[in-house]
PDB file of all heavy atoms in Angstrom:
ATOM      1  N   GLY A   1      23.409  22.831 -53.079  1.00  0.00           N
ATOM      2  CA  GLY A   1      24.516  23.756 -53.250  1.00  0.00           C
ATOM      3  C   GLY A   1      25.720  23.045 -53.845  1.00  0.00           C
ATOM      4  O   GLY A   1      25.590  21.994 -54.475  1.00  0.00           O
ATOM      5  N   ALA A   2      26.864  23.601 -53.601  1.00  0.00           N
ATOM      6  CA  ALA A   2      28.109  23.085 -54.191  1.00  0.00           C
ATOM      7  C   ALA A   2      28.596  21.821 -53.497  1.00  0.00           C
ATOM      8  O   ALA A   2      28.304  21.576 -52.332  1.00  0.00           O
ATOM      9  CB  ALA A   2      29.180  24.158 -54.124  1.00  0.00           C
ATOM     10  N   ASN A   3      29.339  21.003 -54.239  1.00  0.00           N
ATOM     11  CA  ASN A   3      29.959  19.787 -53.698  1.00  0.00           C
ATOM     12  C   ASN A   3      31.406  20.098 -53.322  1.00  0.00           C
ATOM     13  O   ASN A   3      32.341  19.748 -54.028  1.00  0.00           O
ATOM     14  CB  ASN A   3      29.903  18.661 -54.731  1.00  0.00           C
ATOM     15  CG  ASN A   3      28.490  18.202 -54.969  1.00  0.00           C
ATOM     16  OD1 ASN A   3      27.695  18.099 -54.053  1.00  0.00           O
ATOM     17  ND2 ASN A   3      28.172  17.934 -56.211  1.00  0.00           N
ATOM     18  N   TYR A   4      31.577  20.764 -52.185  1.00  0.00           N
ATOM     19  CA  TYR A   4      32.899  21.198 -51.763  1.00  0.00           C
ATOM     20  C   TYR A   4      33.813  20.023 -51.422  1.00  0.00           C
ATOM     21  O   TYR A   4      34.996  20.049 -51.728  1.00  0.00           O
ATOM     22  CB  TYR A   4      32.792  22.129 -50.555  1.00  0.00           C
ATOM     23  CG  TYR A   4      32.164  23.461 -50.875  1.00  0.00           C
ATOM     24  CD1 TYR A   4      30.881  23.766 -50.459  1.00  0.00           C
ATOM     25  CD2 TYR A   4      32.868  24.412 -51.601  1.00  0.00           C
ATOM     26  CE1 TYR A   4      30.312  24.987 -50.752  1.00  0.00           C
ATOM     27  CE2 TYR A   4      32.316  25.631 -51.897  1.00  0.00           C
ATOM     28  CZ  TYR A   4      31.029  25.925 -51.469  1.00  0.00           C
ATOM     29  OH  TYR A   4      30.472  27.123 -51.764  1.00  0.00           O
ATOM     30  N   TRP A   5      33.302  19.016 -50.743  1.00  0.00           N
ATOM     31  CA  TRP A   5      34.136  17.881 -50.356  1.00  0.00           C
ATOM     32  C   TRP A   5      34.692  17.168 -51.583  1.00  0.00           C
ATOM     33  O   TRP A   5      35.876  16.863 -51.656  1.00  0.00           O
ATOM     34  CB  TRP A   5      33.359  16.905 -49.475  1.00  0.00           C
ATOM     35  CG  TRP A   5      34.194  15.743 -49.054  1.00  0.00           C
ATOM     36  CD1 TRP A   5      34.073  14.451 -49.464  1.00  0.00           C
ATOM     37  CD2 TRP A   5      35.298  15.762 -48.158  1.00  0.00           C
ATOM     38  NE1 TRP A   5      35.026  13.673 -48.881  1.00  0.00           N
ATOM     39  CE2 TRP A   5      35.796  14.453 -48.070  1.00  0.00           C
ATOM     40  CE3 TRP A   5      35.924  16.766 -47.410  1.00  0.00           C
ATOM     41  CZ2 TRP A   5      36.884  14.119 -47.274  1.00  0.00           C
ATOM     42  CZ3 TRP A   5      37.006  16.427 -46.625  1.00  0.00           C
ATOM     43  CH2 TRP A   5      37.467  15.123 -46.562  1.00  0.00           C
ATOM     44  N   ARG A   6      33.859  16.927 -52.563  1.00  0.00           N
ATOM     45  CA  ARG A   6      34.310  16.280 -53.793  1.00  0.00           C
ATOM     46  C   ARG A   6      35.356  17.145 -54.502  1.00  0.00           C
ATOM     47  O   ARG A   6      36.366  16.654 -54.976  1.00  0.00           O
ATOM     48  CB  ARG A   6      33.138  16.011 -54.726  1.00  0.00           C
ATOM     49  CG  ARG A   6      33.587  15.265 -55.996  1.00  0.00           C
ATOM     50  CD  ARG A   6      32.469  15.044 -56.942  1.00  0.00           C
ATOM     51  NE  ARG A   6      31.930  16.361 -57.320  1.00  0.00           N
ATOM     52  CZ  ARG A   6      30.877  16.528 -58.062  1.00  0.00           C
ATOM     53  NH1 ARG A   6      30.188  15.504 -58.490  1.00  0.00           N
ATOM     54  NH2 ARG A   6      30.456  17.736 -58.368  1.00  0.00           N
ATOM     55  N   PHE A   7      35.108  18.456 -54.537  1.00  0.00           N
ATOM     56  CA  PHE A   7      36.069  19.352 -55.171  1.00  0.00           C
ATOM     57  C   PHE A   7      37.414  19.311 -54.458  1.00  0.00           C
ATOM     58  O   PHE A   7      38.460  19.186 -55.094  1.00  0.00           O
ATOM     59  CB  PHE A   7      35.535  20.790 -55.186  1.00  0.00           C
ATOM     60  CG  PHE A   7      36.557  21.787 -55.634  1.00  0.00           C
ATOM     61  CD1 PHE A   7      36.924  21.854 -56.967  1.00  0.00           C
ATOM     62  CD2 PHE A   7      37.164  22.634 -54.728  1.00  0.00           C
ATOM     63  CE1 PHE A   7      37.890  22.763 -57.390  1.00  0.00           C
ATOM     64  CE2 PHE A   7      38.126  23.544 -55.141  1.00  0.00           C
ATOM     65  CZ  PHE A   7      38.485  23.607 -56.476  1.00  0.00           C
ATOM     66  N   LEU A   8      37.388  19.390 -53.125  1.00  0.00           N
ATOM     67  CA  LEU A   8      38.642  19.439 -52.365  1.00  0.00           C
ATOM     68  C   LEU A   8      39.387  18.117 -52.331  1.00  0.00           C
ATOM     69  O   LEU A   8      40.605  18.096 -52.169  1.00  0.00           O
ATOM     70  CB  LEU A   8      38.377  19.892 -50.924  1.00  0.00           C
ATOM     71  CG  LEU A   8      37.978  21.345 -50.780  1.00  0.00           C
ATOM     72  CD1 LEU A   8      37.521  21.622 -49.363  1.00  0.00           C
ATOM     73  CD2 LEU A   8      39.123  22.251 -51.171  1.00  0.00           C
ATOM     74  N   THR A   9      38.705  17.005 -52.479  1.00  0.00           N
ATOM     75  CA  THR A   9      39.373  15.700 -52.374  1.00  0.00           C
ATOM     76  C   THR A   9      39.653  15.046 -53.718  1.00  0.00           C
ATOM     77  O   THR A   9      40.495  14.157 -53.796  1.00  0.00           O
ATOM     78  CB  THR A   9      38.543  14.725 -51.529  1.00  0.00           C
ATOM     79  OG1 THR A   9      37.257  14.547 -52.123  1.00  0.00           O
ATOM     80  CG2 THR A   9      38.398  15.236 -50.101  1.00  0.00           C
ATOM     81  N   LYS A  10      38.986  15.473 -54.775  1.00  0.00           N
ATOM     82  CA  LYS A  10      39.170  14.849 -56.093  1.00  0.00           C
ATOM     83  C   LYS A  10      39.685  15.851 -57.127  1.00  0.00           C
ATOM     84  O   LYS A  10      40.741  15.677 -57.709  1.00  0.00           O
ATOM     85  CB  LYS A  10      37.858  14.235 -56.589  1.00  0.00           C
ATOM     86  CG  LYS A  10      37.226  13.256 -55.642  1.00  0.00           C
ATOM     87  CD  LYS A  10      37.999  11.973 -55.585  1.00  0.00           C
ATOM     88  CE  LYS A  10      37.243  11.004 -54.681  1.00  0.00           C
ATOM     89  NZ  LYS A  10      38.076  10.046 -54.071  1.00  0.00           N
ATOM     90  N   GLU A  11      38.905  16.895 -57.368  1.00  0.00           N
ATOM     91  CA  GLU A  11      39.203  17.818 -58.470  1.00  0.00           C
ATOM     92  C   GLU A  11      40.408  18.722 -58.178  1.00  0.00           C
ATOM     93  O   GLU A  11      41.322  18.835 -59.000  1.00  0.00           O
ATOM     94  CB  GLU A  11      37.981  18.676 -58.765  1.00  0.00           C
ATOM     95  CG  GLU A  11      36.782  17.879 -59.244  1.00  0.00           C
ATOM     96  CD  GLU A  11      35.539  18.729 -59.372  1.00  0.00           C
ATOM     97  OE1 GLU A  11      35.674  19.938 -59.696  1.00  0.00           O
ATOM     98  OE2 GLU A  11      34.447  18.203 -59.156  1.00  0.00           O
ATOM     99  N   PHE A  12      40.421  19.372 -57.027  1.00  0.00           N
ATOM    100  CA  PHE A  12      41.490  20.321 -56.692  1.00  0.00           C
ATOM    101  C   PHE A  12      42.870  19.661 -56.636  1.00  0.00           C
ATOM    102  O   PHE A  12      43.819  20.191 -57.224  1.00  0.00           O
ATOM    103  CB  PHE A  12      41.149  21.029 -55.375  1.00  0.00           C
ATOM    104  CG  PHE A  12      42.091  22.138 -55.026  1.00  0.00           C
ATOM    105  CD1 PHE A  12      42.134  23.287 -55.797  1.00  0.00           C
ATOM    106  CD2 PHE A  12      42.917  22.039 -53.928  1.00  0.00           C
ATOM    107  CE1 PHE A  12      42.990  24.324 -55.474  1.00  0.00           C
ATOM    108  CE2 PHE A  12      43.771  23.061 -53.598  1.00  0.00           C
ATOM    109  CZ  PHE A  12      43.811  24.205 -54.377  1.00  0.00           C
ATOM    110  N   PRO A  13      43.027  18.504 -55.976  1.00  0.00           N
ATOM    111  CA  PRO A  13      44.357  17.872 -55.964  1.00  0.00           C
ATOM    112  C   PRO A  13      44.864  17.511 -57.363  1.00  0.00           C
ATOM    113  O   PRO A  13      46.059  17.696 -57.648  1.00  0.00           O
ATOM    114  CB  PRO A  13      44.158  16.616 -55.118  1.00  0.00           C
ATOM    115  CG  PRO A  13      43.002  16.929 -54.244  1.00  0.00           C
ATOM    116  CD  PRO A  13      42.103  17.796 -55.075  1.00  0.00           C
ATOM    117  N   MET A  14      43.992  17.041 -58.233  1.00  0.00           N
ATOM    118  CA  MET A  14      44.430  16.698 -59.585  1.00  0.00           C
ATOM    119  C   MET A  14      44.846  17.943 -60.361  1.00  0.00           C
ATOM    120  O   MET A  14      45.844  17.926 -61.084  1.00  0.00           O
ATOM    121  CB  MET A  14      43.331  15.949 -60.335  1.00  0.00           C
ATOM    122  CG  MET A  14      43.109  14.538 -59.826  1.00  0.00           C
ATOM    123  SD  MET A  14      44.613  13.536 -59.742  1.00  0.00           S
ATOM    124  CE  MET A  14      45.103  13.493 -61.442  1.00  0.00           C
ATOM    125  N   LYS A  15      44.124  19.034 -60.186  1.00  0.00           N
ATOM    126  CA  LYS A  15      44.500  20.275 -60.850  1.00  0.00           C
ATOM    127  C   LYS A  15      45.862  20.754 -60.366  1.00  0.00           C
ATOM    128  O   LYS A  15      46.706  21.181 -61.152  1.00  0.00           O
ATOM    129  CB  LYS A  15      43.449  21.358 -60.610  1.00  0.00           C
ATOM    130  CG  LYS A  15      42.172  21.124 -61.356  1.00  0.00           C
ATOM    131  CD  LYS A  15      41.164  22.218 -61.076  1.00  0.00           C
ATOM    132  CE  LYS A  15      39.846  21.869 -61.693  1.00  0.00           C
ATOM    133  NZ  LYS A  15      39.452  22.783 -62.727  1.00  0.00           N
ATOM    134  N   MET A  16      46.101  20.689 -59.066  1.00  0.00           N
ATOM    135  CA  MET A  16      47.374  21.136 -58.513  1.00  0.00           C
ATOM    136  C   MET A  16      48.527  20.219 -58.930  1.00  0.00           C
ATOM    137  O   MET A  16      49.621  20.685 -59.225  1.00  0.00           O
ATOM    138  CB  MET A  16      47.309  21.218 -56.982  1.00  0.00           C
ATOM    139  CG  MET A  16      46.377  22.299 -56.469  1.00  0.00           C
ATOM    140  SD  MET A  16      46.844  23.963 -57.001  1.00  0.00           S
ATOM    141  CE  MET A  16      45.680  24.268 -58.319  1.00  0.00           C
ATOM    142  N   LYS A  17      48.277  18.910 -58.968  1.00  0.00           N
ATOM    143  CA  LYS A  17      49.319  17.966 -59.381  1.00  0.00           C
ATOM    144  C   LYS A  17      49.723  18.198 -60.828  1.00  0.00           C
ATOM    145  O   LYS A  17      50.904  18.118 -61.167  1.00  0.00           O
ATOM    146  CB  LYS A  17      48.843  16.530 -59.188  1.00  0.00           C
ATOM    147  CG  LYS A  17      48.816  16.114 -57.739  1.00  0.00           C
ATOM    148  CD  LYS A  17      48.291  14.707 -57.564  1.00  0.00           C
ATOM    149  CE  LYS A  17      48.224  14.360 -56.091  1.00  0.00           C
ATOM    150  NZ  LYS A  17      47.671  13.033 -55.858  1.00  0.00           N
ATOM    151  N   ASN A  18      48.766  18.495 -61.672  1.00  0.00           N
ATOM    152  CA  ASN A  18      49.069  18.746 -63.080  1.00  0.00           C
ATOM    153  C   ASN A  18      49.705  20.112 -63.294  1.00  0.00           C
ATOM    154  O   ASN A  18      50.617  20.264 -64.096  1.00  0.00           O
ATOM    155  CB  ASN A  18      47.810  18.612 -63.927  1.00  0.00           C
ATOM    156  CG  ASN A  18      47.298  17.193 -63.966  1.00  0.00           C
ATOM    157  OD1 ASN A  18      48.074  16.248 -63.866  1.00  0.00           O
ATOM    158  ND2 ASN A  18      46.002  17.025 -64.096  1.00  0.00           N
ATOM    159  N   LEU A  19      49.246  21.117 -62.570  1.00  0.00           N
ATOM    160  CA  LEU A  19      49.745  22.471 -62.740  1.00  0.00           C
ATOM    161  C   LEU A  19      51.156  22.638 -62.186  1.00  0.00           C
ATOM    162  O   LEU A  19      52.011  23.270 -62.798  1.00  0.00           O
ATOM    163  CB  LEU A  19      48.792  23.462 -62.064  1.00  0.00           C
ATOM    164  CG  LEU A  19      49.103  24.940 -62.223  1.00  0.00           C
ATOM    165  CD1 LEU A  19      49.015  25.339 -63.689  1.00  0.00           C
ATOM    166  CD2 LEU A  19      48.123  25.749 -61.403  1.00  0.00           C
ATOM    167  N   PHE A  20      51.433  22.042 -61.018  1.00  0.00           N
ATOM    168  CA  PHE A  20      52.713  22.228 -60.344  1.00  0.00           C
ATOM    169  C   PHE A  20      53.609  20.999 -60.353  1.00  0.00           C
ATOM    170  O   PHE A  20      54.614  20.957 -59.668  1.00  0.00           O
ATOM    171  CB  PHE A  20      52.482  22.675 -58.892  1.00  0.00           C
ATOM    172  CG  PHE A  20      51.849  24.021 -58.797  1.00  0.00           C
ATOM    173  CD1 PHE A  20      50.551  24.151 -58.344  1.00  0.00           C
ATOM    174  CD2 PHE A  20      52.538  25.160 -59.178  1.00  0.00           C
ATOM    175  CE1 PHE A  20      49.954  25.396 -58.246  1.00  0.00           C
ATOM    176  CE2 PHE A  20      51.953  26.408 -59.088  1.00  0.00           C
ATOM    177  CZ  PHE A  20      50.656  26.527 -58.623  1.00  0.00           C
ATOM    178  N   ASN A  21      53.234  19.956 -61.081  1.00  0.00           N
ATOM    179  CA  ASN A  21      54.038  18.736 -61.165  1.00  0.00           C
ATOM    180  C   ASN A  21      54.310  18.150 -59.771  1.00  0.00           C
ATOM    181  O   ASN A  21      55.444  17.808 -59.434  1.00  0.00           O
ATOM    182  CB  ASN A  21      55.344  18.985 -61.917  1.00  0.00           C
ATOM    183  CG  ASN A  21      55.997  17.693 -62.335  1.00  0.00           C
ATOM    184  OD1 ASN A  21      55.335  16.681 -62.509  1.00  0.00           O
ATOM    185  ND2 ASN A  21      57.303  17.729 -62.495  1.00  0.00           N
ATOM    186  N   ILE A  22      53.273  18.062 -58.963  1.00  0.00           N
ATOM    187  CA  ILE A  22      53.364  17.491 -57.613  1.00  0.00           C
ATOM    188  C   ILE A  22      53.354  15.979 -57.721  1.00  0.00           C
ATOM    189  O   ILE A  22      52.682  15.405 -58.560  1.00  0.00           O
ATOM    190  CB  ILE A  22      52.183  17.984 -56.743  1.00  0.00           C
ATOM    191  CG1 ILE A  22      52.256  19.504 -56.599  1.00  0.00           C
ATOM    192  CG2 ILE A  22      52.168  17.311 -55.385  1.00  0.00           C
ATOM    193  CD1 ILE A  22      51.042  20.116 -55.951  1.00  0.00           C
ATOM    194  N   SER A  23      54.079  15.320 -56.829  1.00  0.00           N
ATOM    195  CA  SER A  23      54.174  13.866 -56.835  1.00  0.00           C
ATOM    196  C   SER A  23      52.801  13.231 -56.634  1.00  0.00           C
ATOM    197  O   SER A  23      51.984  13.703 -55.853  1.00  0.00           O
ATOM    198  CB  SER A  23      55.115  13.407 -55.724  1.00  0.00           C
ATOM    199  OG  SER A  23      55.092  12.008 -55.615  1.00  0.00           O
ATOM    200  N   HIS A  24      52.563  12.121 -57.316  1.00  0.00           N
ATOM    201  CA  HIS A  24      51.334  11.346 -57.127  1.00  0.00           C
ATOM    202  C   HIS A  24      51.497  10.334 -55.992  1.00  0.00           C
ATOM    203  O   HIS A  24      50.557   9.638 -55.644  1.00  0.00           O
ATOM    204  CB  HIS A  24      50.961  10.631 -58.421  1.00  0.00           C
ATOM    205  CG  HIS A  24      50.482  11.563 -59.478  1.00  0.00           C
ATOM    206  ND1 HIS A  24      49.160  11.852 -59.673  1.00  0.00           N
ATOM    207  CD2 HIS A  24      51.157  12.299 -60.395  1.00  0.00           C
ATOM    208  CE1 HIS A  24      49.025  12.715 -60.653  1.00  0.00           C
ATOM    209  NE2 HIS A  24      50.231  13.004 -61.116  1.00  0.00           N
ATOM    210  N   ASN A  25      52.679  10.255 -55.401  1.00  0.00           N
ATOM    211  CA  ASN A  25      52.969   9.335 -54.302  1.00  0.00           C
ATOM    212  C   ASN A  25      52.496   9.969 -52.988  1.00  0.00           C
ATOM    213  O   ASN A  25      52.990  11.023 -52.585  1.00  0.00           O
ATOM    214  CB  ASN A  25      54.470   9.048 -54.258  1.00  0.00           C
ATOM    215  CG  ASN A  25      54.834   7.988 -53.264  1.00  0.00           C
ATOM    216  OD1 ASN A  25      53.987   7.484 -52.542  1.00  0.00           O
ATOM    217  ND2 ASN A  25      56.101   7.660 -53.220  1.00  0.00           N
ATOM    218  N   SER A  26      51.556   9.342 -52.299  1.00  0.00           N
ATOM    219  CA  SER A  26      50.975   9.933 -51.087  1.00  0.00           C
ATOM    220  C   SER A  26      51.994  10.086 -49.962  1.00  0.00           C
ATOM    221  O   SER A  26      51.818  10.941 -49.092  1.00  0.00           O
ATOM    222  CB  SER A  26      49.789   9.101 -50.602  1.00  0.00           C
ATOM    223  OG  SER A  26      50.202   7.796 -50.272  1.00  0.00           O
ATOM    224  N   GLU A  27      53.073   9.317 -49.958  1.00  0.00           N
ATOM    225  CA  GLU A  27      54.099   9.456 -48.927  1.00  0.00           C
ATOM    226  C   GLU A  27      54.913  10.731 -49.102  1.00  0.00           C
ATOM    227  O   GLU A  27      55.624  11.137 -48.198  1.00  0.00           O
ATOM    228  CB  GLU A  27      55.045   8.241 -48.923  1.00  0.00           C
ATOM    229  CG  GLU A  27      54.430   6.970 -48.373  1.00  0.00           C
ATOM    230  CD  GLU A  27      53.588   6.241 -49.411  1.00  0.00           C
ATOM    231  OE1 GLU A  27      53.731   6.507 -50.621  1.00  0.00           O
ATOM    232  OE2 GLU A  27      52.761   5.408 -48.996  1.00  0.00           O
ATOM    233  N   GLU A  28      54.820  11.371 -50.243  1.00  0.00           N
ATOM    234  CA  GLU A  28      55.600  12.574 -50.515  1.00  0.00           C
ATOM    235  C   GLU A  28      54.769  13.852 -50.460  1.00  0.00           C
ATOM    236  O   GLU A  28      55.268  14.925 -50.777  1.00  0.00           O
ATOM    237  CB  GLU A  28      56.250  12.456 -51.900  1.00  0.00           C
ATOM    238  CG  GLU A  28      57.234  11.315 -51.992  1.00  0.00           C
ATOM    239  CD  GLU A  28      57.777  11.126 -53.387  1.00  0.00           C
ATOM    240  OE1 GLU A  28      57.320  11.807 -54.326  1.00  0.00           O
ATOM    241  OE2 GLU A  28      58.675  10.285 -53.540  1.00  0.00           O
ATOM    242  N   THR A  29      53.507  13.760 -50.054  1.00  0.00           N
ATOM    243  CA  THR A  29      52.643  14.934 -49.988  1.00  0.00           C
ATOM    244  C   THR A  29      51.952  15.005 -48.629  1.00  0.00           C
ATOM    245  O   THR A  29      51.919  14.023 -47.884  1.00  0.00           O
ATOM    246  CB  THR A  29      51.568  14.889 -51.095  1.00  0.00           C
ATOM    247  OG1 THR A  29      50.782  13.720 -50.929  1.00  0.00           O
ATOM    248  CG2 THR A  29      52.198  14.891 -52.480  1.00  0.00           C
ATOM    249  N   PHE A  30      51.410  16.177 -48.302  1.00  0.00           N
ATOM    250  CA  PHE A  30      50.659  16.344 -47.058  1.00  0.00           C
ATOM    251  C   PHE A  30      49.640  17.459 -47.238  1.00  0.00           C
ATOM    252  O   PHE A  30      49.678  18.201 -48.206  1.00  0.00           O
ATOM    253  CB  PHE A  30      51.583  16.649 -45.874  1.00  0.00           C
ATOM    254  CG  PHE A  30      52.307  17.959 -45.996  1.00  0.00           C
ATOM    255  CD1 PHE A  30      51.772  19.103 -45.426  1.00  0.00           C
ATOM    256  CD2 PHE A  30      53.509  18.054 -46.670  1.00  0.00           C
ATOM    257  CE1 PHE A  30      52.431  20.315 -45.534  1.00  0.00           C
ATOM    258  CE2 PHE A  30      54.180  19.254 -46.778  1.00  0.00           C
ATOM    259  CZ  PHE A  30      53.642  20.398 -46.210  1.00  0.00           C
ATOM    260  N   VAL A  31      48.746  17.571 -46.275  1.00  0.00           N
ATOM    261  CA  VAL A  31      47.719  18.608 -46.274  1.00  0.00           C
ATOM    262  C   VAL A  31      47.871  19.412 -44.997  1.00  0.00           C
ATOM    263  O   VAL A  31      48.088  18.848 -43.930  1.00  0.00           O
ATOM    264  CB  VAL A  31      46.297  17.989 -46.336  1.00  0.00           C
ATOM    265  CG1 VAL A  31      45.237  19.063 -46.228  1.00  0.00           C
ATOM    266  CG2 VAL A  31      46.141  17.175 -47.597  1.00  0.00           C
ATOM    267  N   ALA A  32      47.760  20.732 -45.089  1.00  0.00           N
ATOM    268  CA  ALA A  32      47.858  21.599 -43.920  1.00  0.00           C
ATOM    269  C   ALA A  32      46.928  22.778 -44.104  1.00  0.00           C
ATOM    270  O   ALA A  32      46.530  23.111 -45.216  1.00  0.00           O
ATOM    271  CB  ALA A  32      49.289  22.080 -43.745  1.00  0.00           C
ATOM    272  N   GLY A  33      46.595  23.434 -43.016  1.00  0.00           N
ATOM    273  CA  GLY A  33      45.760  24.623 -43.092  1.00  0.00           C
ATOM    274  C   GLY A  33      45.767  25.395 -41.787  1.00  0.00           C
ATOM    275  O   GLY A  33      46.078  24.839 -40.740  1.00  0.00           O
ATOM    276  N   LEU A  34      45.449  26.668 -41.858  1.00  0.00           N
ATOM    277  CA  LEU A  34      45.376  27.537 -40.687  1.00  0.00           C
ATOM    278  C   LEU A  34      43.920  27.896 -40.415  1.00  0.00           C
ATOM    279  O   LEU A  34      43.132  28.037 -41.332  1.00  0.00           O
ATOM    280  CB  LEU A  34      46.169  28.819 -40.921  1.00  0.00           C
ATOM    281  CG  LEU A  34      47.659  28.653 -41.157  1.00  0.00           C
ATOM    282  CD1 LEU A  34      48.269  29.986 -41.555  1.00  0.00           C
ATOM    283  CD2 LEU A  34      48.332  28.099 -39.924  1.00  0.00           C
ATOM    284  N   SER A  35      43.593  28.039 -39.141  1.00  0.00           N
ATOM    285  CA  SER A  35      42.262  28.438 -38.720  1.00  0.00           C
ATOM    286  C   SER A  35      41.219  27.481 -39.263  1.00  0.00           C
ATOM    287  O   SER A  35      41.328  26.264 -39.075  1.00  0.00           O
ATOM    288  CB  SER A  35      41.993  29.887 -39.136  1.00  0.00           C
ATOM    289  OG  SER A  35      40.813  30.343 -38.536  1.00  0.00           O
ATOM    290  N   MET A  36      40.216  27.958 -39.974  1.00  0.00           N
ATOM    291  CA  MET A  36      39.163  27.091 -40.510  1.00  0.00           C
ATOM    292  C   MET A  36      39.727  26.099 -41.533  1.00  0.00           C
ATOM    293  O   MET A  36      39.254  24.968 -41.632  1.00  0.00           O
ATOM    294  CB  MET A  36      38.070  27.942 -41.158  1.00  0.00           C
ATOM    295  CG  MET A  36      36.873  27.171 -41.592  1.00  0.00           C
ATOM    296  SD  MET A  36      36.128  26.339 -40.187  1.00  0.00           S
ATOM    297  CE  MET A  36      34.828  25.486 -41.003  1.00  0.00           C
TER     298      MET A  36
END
């Protein structure tokens, strides 16, 4: 099936950083989520 972990940890963050000009500095970013 799909490689969800690779997508969520490699591909998706790079797309968001490029699309929204998010900092590449890990001290300036975080991950959060509700429920699952």
